[in-house]
Amino acid sequence: MFANMNQMEMDQSVIVDCDHCVVRCPAACGDCVVSVLLGSPTEVLAFDSEERAALEALAQTGLVPPLRLVVSVPEPRSTEIEFVDRSHDAAS
């Protein structure tokens, strides 16, 4: 399961850790706002909701590419309990 950071609500901050980006490659990084504005980051970055809105406005006008960060997220665990009938095992 993957999460595209551009699909998050704009009122949320986002942590950018390029080491965990699943689309990290020269082509994707070269067309990402982080690389265009900051070069290859050597540390984890954080953008608050106002910074994200500014980056989104720049991207929508074509001045910079959008954030290309895609991270993997753990699959949600099922809360269902599976019942296994073992009553026939005891009779054997």
C-alpha atoms as a PDB file:
ATOM      1  CA  MET A   1       0.000   0.000   0.000  1.00  0.00           C
ATOM      2  CA  PHE A   2       1.372   3.411  -0.938  1.00  0.00           C
ATOM      3  CA  ALA A   3       0.589   7.012   0.006  1.00  0.00           C
ATOM      4  CA  ASN A   4       1.068   9.884  -2.402  1.00  0.00           C
ATOM      5  CA  MET A   5       1.780  12.990  -0.361  1.00  0.00           C
ATOM      6  CA  ASN A   6      -0.141  15.167  -2.831  1.00  0.00           C
ATOM      7  CA  GLN A   7      -3.316  13.301  -1.916  1.00  0.00           C
ATOM      8  CA  MET A   8      -3.133  14.249   1.758  1.00  0.00           C
ATOM      9  CA  GLU A   9      -5.363  16.984   3.125  1.00  0.00           C
ATOM     10  CA  MET A  10      -3.654  20.355   2.667  1.00  0.00           C
ATOM     11  CA  ASP A  11      -4.160  21.292   6.330  1.00  0.00           C
ATOM     12  CA  GLN A  12      -1.756  18.515   7.378  1.00  0.00           C
ATOM     13  CA  SER A  13       1.991  18.856   7.608  1.00  0.00           C
ATOM     14  CA  VAL A  14       4.131  16.378   5.701  1.00  0.00           C
ATOM     15  CA  ILE A  15       7.491  14.818   6.483  1.00  0.00           C
ATOM     16  CA  VAL A  16       9.727  14.393   3.439  1.00  0.00           C
ATOM     17  CA  ASP A  17      12.289  11.629   3.806  1.00  0.00           C
ATOM     18  CA  CYS A  18      13.686  10.954   0.358  1.00  0.00           C
ATOM     19  CA  ASP A  19      15.329   7.749   1.612  1.00  0.00           C
ATOM     20  CA  HIS A  20      11.853   6.232   2.058  1.00  0.00           C
ATOM     21  CA  CYS A  21      10.355   7.427  -1.232  1.00  0.00           C
ATOM     22  CA  VAL A  22       9.318   4.370  -3.253  1.00  0.00           C
ATOM     23  CA  VAL A  23       9.595   6.198  -6.593  1.00  0.00           C
ATOM     24  CA  ARG A  24      13.095   7.498  -5.894  1.00  0.00           C
ATOM     25  CA  CYS A  25      15.098   7.489  -9.114  1.00  0.00           C
ATOM     26  CA  PRO A  26      16.844  10.166 -11.179  1.00  0.00           C
ATOM     27  CA  ALA A  27      13.769  10.730 -13.367  1.00  0.00           C
ATOM     28  CA  ALA A  28      11.315  11.172 -10.486  1.00  0.00           C
ATOM     29  CA  CYS A  29      13.696  13.114  -8.252  1.00  0.00           C
ATOM     30  CA  GLY A  30      14.654  15.456 -11.080  1.00  0.00           C
ATOM     31  CA  ASP A  31      10.974  16.361 -11.452  1.00  0.00           C
ATOM     32  CA  CYS A  32      10.234  16.831  -7.742  1.00  0.00           C
ATOM     33  CA  VAL A  33       9.881  20.202  -6.047  1.00  0.00           C
ATOM     34  CA  VAL A  34      12.287  19.153  -3.286  1.00  0.00           C
ATOM     35  CA  SER A  35      15.160  18.462  -5.690  1.00  0.00           C
ATOM     36  CA  VAL A  36      14.384  21.501  -7.850  1.00  0.00           C
ATOM     37  CA  LEU A  37      14.377  23.947  -4.935  1.00  0.00           C
ATOM     38  CA  LEU A  38      16.823  22.325  -2.508  1.00  0.00           C
ATOM     39  CA  GLY A  39      18.927  19.875  -4.495  1.00  0.00           C
ATOM     40  CA  SER A  40      19.297  16.391  -3.084  1.00  0.00           C
ATOM     41  CA  PRO A  41      18.392  16.753   0.598  1.00  0.00           C
ATOM     42  CA  THR A  42      20.676  15.085   3.106  1.00  0.00           C
ATOM     43  CA  GLU A  43      18.176  15.251   5.945  1.00  0.00           C
ATOM     44  CA  VAL A  44      14.487  14.752   6.583  1.00  0.00           C
ATOM     45  CA  LEU A  45      12.369  17.807   5.765  1.00  0.00           C
ATOM     46  CA  ALA A  46       9.057  18.930   7.223  1.00  0.00           C
ATOM     47  CA  PHE A  47       6.562  21.176   5.472  1.00  0.00           C
ATOM     48  CA  ASP A  48       3.686  22.609   7.502  1.00  0.00           C
ATOM     49  CA  SER A  49       0.284  23.269   5.953  1.00  0.00           C
ATOM     50  CA  GLU A  50       1.181  26.840   4.922  1.00  0.00           C
ATOM     51  CA  GLU A  51       4.408  25.722   3.253  1.00  0.00           C
ATOM     52  CA  ARG A  52       2.559  22.922   1.491  1.00  0.00           C
ATOM     53  CA  ALA A  53      -0.042  25.406   0.237  1.00  0.00           C
ATOM     54  CA  ALA A  54       2.717  27.674  -1.106  1.00  0.00           C
ATOM     55  CA  LEU A  55       4.454  24.769  -2.864  1.00  0.00           C
ATOM     56  CA  GLU A  56       1.121  23.634  -4.302  1.00  0.00           C
ATOM     57  CA  ALA A  57       0.400  27.160  -5.614  1.00  0.00           C
ATOM     58  CA  LEU A  58       3.827  27.298  -7.279  1.00  0.00           C
ATOM     59  CA  ALA A  59       3.279  23.852  -8.811  1.00  0.00           C
ATOM     60  CA  GLN A  60      -0.200  24.714 -10.090  1.00  0.00           C
ATOM     61  CA  THR A  61       1.162  27.742 -11.927  1.00  0.00           C
ATOM     62  CA  GLY A  62       3.947  25.656 -13.458  1.00  0.00           C
ATOM     63  CA  LEU A  63       6.806  27.452 -11.694  1.00  0.00           C
ATOM     64  CA  VAL A  64       8.006  24.267  -9.990  1.00  0.00           C
ATOM     65  CA  PRO A  65       7.087  20.583 -10.292  1.00  0.00           C
ATOM     66  CA  PRO A  66       4.839  19.043  -7.619  1.00  0.00           C
ATOM     67  CA  LEU A  67       6.029  17.008  -4.678  1.00  0.00           C
ATOM     68  CA  ARG A  68       6.604  13.497  -6.047  1.00  0.00           C
ATOM     69  CA  LEU A  69       7.056  11.773  -2.676  1.00  0.00           C
ATOM     70  CA  VAL A  70       5.318   8.391  -2.425  1.00  0.00           C
ATOM     71  CA  VAL A  71       5.850   6.298   0.698  1.00  0.00           C
ATOM     72  CA  SER A  72       4.776   2.814   1.635  1.00  0.00           C
ATOM     73  CA  VAL A  73       2.347   2.499   4.503  1.00  0.00           C
ATOM     74  CA  PRO A  74       1.600  -0.639   6.476  1.00  0.00           C
ATOM     75  CA  GLU A  75      -1.469  -2.611   5.486  1.00  0.00           C
ATOM     76  CA  PRO A  76      -4.290  -2.100   7.981  1.00  0.00           C
ATOM     77  CA  ARG A  77      -4.648  -5.040  10.289  1.00  0.00           C
ATOM     78  CA  SER A  78      -7.929  -6.865  10.216  1.00  0.00           C
ATOM     79  CA  THR A  79      -9.978  -6.553  13.375  1.00  0.00           C
ATOM     80  CA  GLU A  80     -12.060  -9.575  12.443  1.00  0.00           C
ATOM     81  CA  ILE A  81     -11.634 -12.652  14.593  1.00  0.00           C
ATOM     82  CA  GLU A  82     -11.635 -15.925  12.750  1.00  0.00           C
ATOM     83  CA  PHE A  83     -13.471 -18.701  14.566  1.00  0.00           C
ATOM     84  CA  VAL A  84     -12.100 -22.167  14.057  1.00  0.00           C
ATOM     85  CA  ASP A  85     -14.379 -25.010  15.094  1.00  0.00           C
ATOM     86  CA  ARG A  86     -12.178 -27.628  16.754  1.00  0.00           C
ATOM     87  CA  SER A  87     -15.006 -29.595  18.411  1.00  0.00           C
ATOM     88  CA  HIS A  88     -14.589 -32.437  15.944  1.00  0.00           C
ATOM     89  CA  ASP A  89     -10.866 -32.657  16.862  1.00  0.00           C
ATOM     90  CA  ALA A  90     -11.661 -33.424  20.516  1.00  0.00           C
ATOM     91  CA  ALA A  91     -13.983 -36.307  19.580  1.00  0.00           C
ATOM     92  CA  SER A  92     -11.255 -38.186  17.692  1.00  0.00           C
END
